[in-house]
């Protein structure tokens, strides 16, 4: 690999590293908010899961993925993974 190729690859990787860091920070902020939702649900005796809301979110994010030229199946797997973790956190908050 020549120096120009190596430099260009490092440039791509640096941008990817920055995006990965942004994703981590965004997920952290999202989970801070969902923790508050879990506490609210506990305090108001609401169930940890809301299947109707979850399906609306999945459909919305699939549409956004399509508009963004991202594989909608991937986007759905990702949001379902996040939702499952949120529900686990809500169960922990509830003390289940």
C-alpha atoms as a PDB file:
ATOM      1  CA  UNK A   1       0.000   0.000   0.000  1.00  0.00           C
ATOM      2  CA  UNK A   2       1.498   3.347  -1.005  1.00  0.00           C
ATOM      3  CA  UNK A   3       1.511   6.412   1.236  1.00  0.00           C
ATOM      4  CA  UNK A   4      -1.355   8.129  -0.611  1.00  0.00           C
ATOM      5  CA  UNK A   5      -3.578   5.059  -0.348  1.00  0.00           C
ATOM      6  CA  UNK A   6      -2.687   4.609   3.316  1.00  0.00           C
ATOM      7  CA  UNK A   7      -3.416   8.276   4.076  1.00  0.00           C
ATOM      8  CA  UNK A   8      -6.783   8.132   2.323  1.00  0.00           C
ATOM      9  CA  UNK A   9      -7.732   4.953   4.204  1.00  0.00           C
ATOM     10  CA  UNK A  10      -6.774   6.598   7.507  1.00  0.00           C
ATOM     11  CA  UNK A  11      -8.907   9.615   6.581  1.00  0.00           C
ATOM     12  CA  UNK A  12     -11.930   7.339   6.028  1.00  0.00           C
ATOM     13  CA  UNK A  13     -11.246   5.501   9.270  1.00  0.00           C
ATOM     14  CA  UNK A  14     -10.936   8.725  11.227  1.00  0.00           C
ATOM     15  CA  UNK A  15     -14.340   9.845   9.952  1.00  0.00           C
ATOM     16  CA  UNK A  16     -15.822   6.461  10.872  1.00  0.00           C
ATOM     17  CA  UNK A  17     -14.307   6.737  14.367  1.00  0.00           C
ATOM     18  CA  UNK A  18     -15.904  10.167  14.786  1.00  0.00           C
ATOM     19  CA  UNK A  19     -19.293   8.840  13.694  1.00  0.00           C
ATOM     20  CA  UNK A  20     -18.968   5.861  16.053  1.00  0.00           C
ATOM     21  CA  UNK A  21     -18.279   8.253  18.928  1.00  0.00           C
ATOM     22  CA  UNK A  22     -21.322  10.329  17.972  1.00  0.00           C
ATOM     23  CA  UNK A  23     -23.470   7.178  17.919  1.00  0.00           C
ATOM     24  CA  UNK A  24     -22.314   6.250  21.420  1.00  0.00           C
ATOM     25  CA  UNK A  25     -23.104   9.722  22.745  1.00  0.00           C
ATOM     26  CA  UNK A  26     -26.515   9.738  21.036  1.00  0.00           C
ATOM     27  CA  UNK A  27     -27.353   6.318  22.467  1.00  0.00           C
ATOM     28  CA  UNK A  28     -26.282   7.523  25.896  1.00  0.00           C
ATOM     29  CA  UNK A  29     -28.646  10.494  25.641  1.00  0.00           C
ATOM     30  CA  UNK A  30     -31.442   8.250  24.380  1.00  0.00           C
ATOM     31  CA  UNK A  31     -31.030   5.864  27.300  1.00  0.00           C
ATOM     32  CA  UNK A  32     -30.971   8.746  29.794  1.00  0.00           C
ATOM     33  CA  UNK A  33     -34.392   9.749  28.457  1.00  0.00           C
ATOM     34  CA  UNK A  34     -35.764   6.220  28.392  1.00  0.00           C
ATOM     35  CA  UNK A  35     -34.633   5.816  32.015  1.00  0.00           C
ATOM     36  CA  UNK A  36     -36.846   8.780  32.887  1.00  0.00           C
ATOM     37  CA  UNK A  37     -39.682   7.153  30.937  1.00  0.00           C
ATOM     38  CA  UNK A  38     -39.131   3.929  32.898  1.00  0.00           C
ATOM     39  CA  UNK A  39     -39.301   5.811  36.188  1.00  0.00           C
ATOM     40  CA  UNK A  40     -42.445   7.611  35.035  1.00  0.00           C
ATOM     41  CA  UNK A  41     -44.030   4.303  34.014  1.00  0.00           C
ATOM     42  CA  UNK A  42     -43.119   2.780  37.378  1.00  0.00           C
ATOM     43  CA  UNK A  43     -44.554   5.740  39.276  1.00  0.00           C
ATOM     44  CA  UNK A  44     -47.786   5.612  37.264  1.00  0.00           C
ATOM     45  CA  UNK A  45     -48.059   1.814  37.209  1.00  0.00           C
ATOM     46  CA  UNK A  46     -47.708   1.602  33.429  1.00  0.00           C
ATOM     47  CA  UNK A  47     -46.309  -1.509  31.699  1.00  0.00           C
ATOM     48  CA  UNK A  48     -42.648  -1.487  30.632  1.00  0.00           C
ATOM     49  CA  UNK A  49     -43.524  -2.294  27.009  1.00  0.00           C
ATOM     50  CA  UNK A  50     -45.849  -0.462  24.661  1.00  0.00           C
ATOM     51  CA  UNK A  51     -46.257  -2.698  21.593  1.00  0.00           C
ATOM     52  CA  UNK A  52     -48.338  -0.124  19.706  1.00  0.00           C
ATOM     53  CA  UNK A  53     -45.705   2.586  20.130  1.00  0.00           C
ATOM     54  CA  UNK A  54     -42.950   0.126  19.262  1.00  0.00           C
ATOM     55  CA  UNK A  55     -44.570  -0.852  15.964  1.00  0.00           C
ATOM     56  CA  UNK A  56     -45.120   2.798  15.028  1.00  0.00           C
ATOM     57  CA  UNK A  57     -41.438   3.480  15.750  1.00  0.00           C
ATOM     58  CA  UNK A  58     -40.297   0.488  13.697  1.00  0.00           C
ATOM     59  CA  UNK A  59     -42.423   1.581  10.730  1.00  0.00           C
ATOM     60  CA  UNK A  60     -41.228   5.182  11.042  1.00  0.00           C
ATOM     61  CA  UNK A  61     -37.573   4.179  11.193  1.00  0.00           C
ATOM     62  CA  UNK A  62     -37.937   1.743   8.292  1.00  0.00           C
ATOM     63  CA  UNK A  63     -39.312   4.613   6.210  1.00  0.00           C
ATOM     64  CA  UNK A  64     -36.483   6.912   7.302  1.00  0.00           C
ATOM     65  CA  UNK A  65     -33.975   4.205   6.436  1.00  0.00           C
ATOM     66  CA  UNK A  66     -35.428   3.857   2.956  1.00  0.00           C
ATOM     67  CA  UNK A  67     -35.277   7.627   2.447  1.00  0.00           C
ATOM     68  CA  UNK A  68     -31.667   7.611   3.649  1.00  0.00           C
ATOM     69  CA  UNK A  69     -30.650   4.665   1.446  1.00  0.00           C
ATOM     70  CA  UNK A  70     -30.028   2.464   4.490  1.00  0.00           C
ATOM     71  CA  UNK A  71     -31.217  -1.130   4.512  1.00  0.00           C
ATOM     72  CA  UNK A  72     -34.631  -0.982   6.269  1.00  0.00           C
ATOM     73  CA  UNK A  73     -34.191  -4.535   7.583  1.00  0.00           C
ATOM     74  CA  UNK A  74     -30.970  -3.466   9.266  1.00  0.00           C
ATOM     75  CA  UNK A  75     -32.665  -0.382  10.718  1.00  0.00           C
ATOM     76  CA  UNK A  76     -35.487  -2.553  12.051  1.00  0.00           C
ATOM     77  CA  UNK A  77     -33.093  -5.031  13.671  1.00  0.00           C
ATOM     78  CA  UNK A  78     -31.218  -2.145  15.273  1.00  0.00           C
ATOM     79  CA  UNK A  79     -34.296  -0.402  16.676  1.00  0.00           C
ATOM     80  CA  UNK A  80     -35.755  -3.690  17.920  1.00  0.00           C
ATOM     81  CA  UNK A  81     -32.465  -4.403  19.715  1.00  0.00           C
ATOM     82  CA  UNK A  82     -32.590  -0.950  21.320  1.00  0.00           C
ATOM     83  CA  UNK A  83     -36.260  -1.380  22.276  1.00  0.00           C
ATOM     84  CA  UNK A  84     -35.523  -4.745  23.896  1.00  0.00           C
ATOM     85  CA  UNK A  85     -32.771  -3.154  25.993  1.00  0.00           C
ATOM     86  CA  UNK A  86     -35.078  -0.289  26.987  1.00  0.00           C
ATOM     87  CA  UNK A  87     -37.740  -2.766  28.117  1.00  0.00           C
ATOM     88  CA  UNK A  88     -35.126  -4.699  30.142  1.00  0.00           C
ATOM     89  CA  UNK A  89     -34.107  -1.414  31.762  1.00  0.00           C
ATOM     90  CA  UNK A  90     -37.744  -0.562  32.500  1.00  0.00           C
ATOM     91  CA  UNK A  91     -38.199  -3.994  34.085  1.00  0.00           C
ATOM     92  CA  UNK A  92     -35.137  -3.359  36.285  1.00  0.00           C
ATOM     93  CA  UNK A  93     -36.460   0.071  37.255  1.00  0.00           C
ATOM     94  CA  UNK A  94     -39.793  -1.498  38.144  1.00  0.00           C
ATOM     95  CA  UNK A  95     -37.968  -4.051  40.257  1.00  0.00           C
ATOM     96  CA  UNK A  96     -39.091  -7.068  38.256  1.00  0.00           C
END
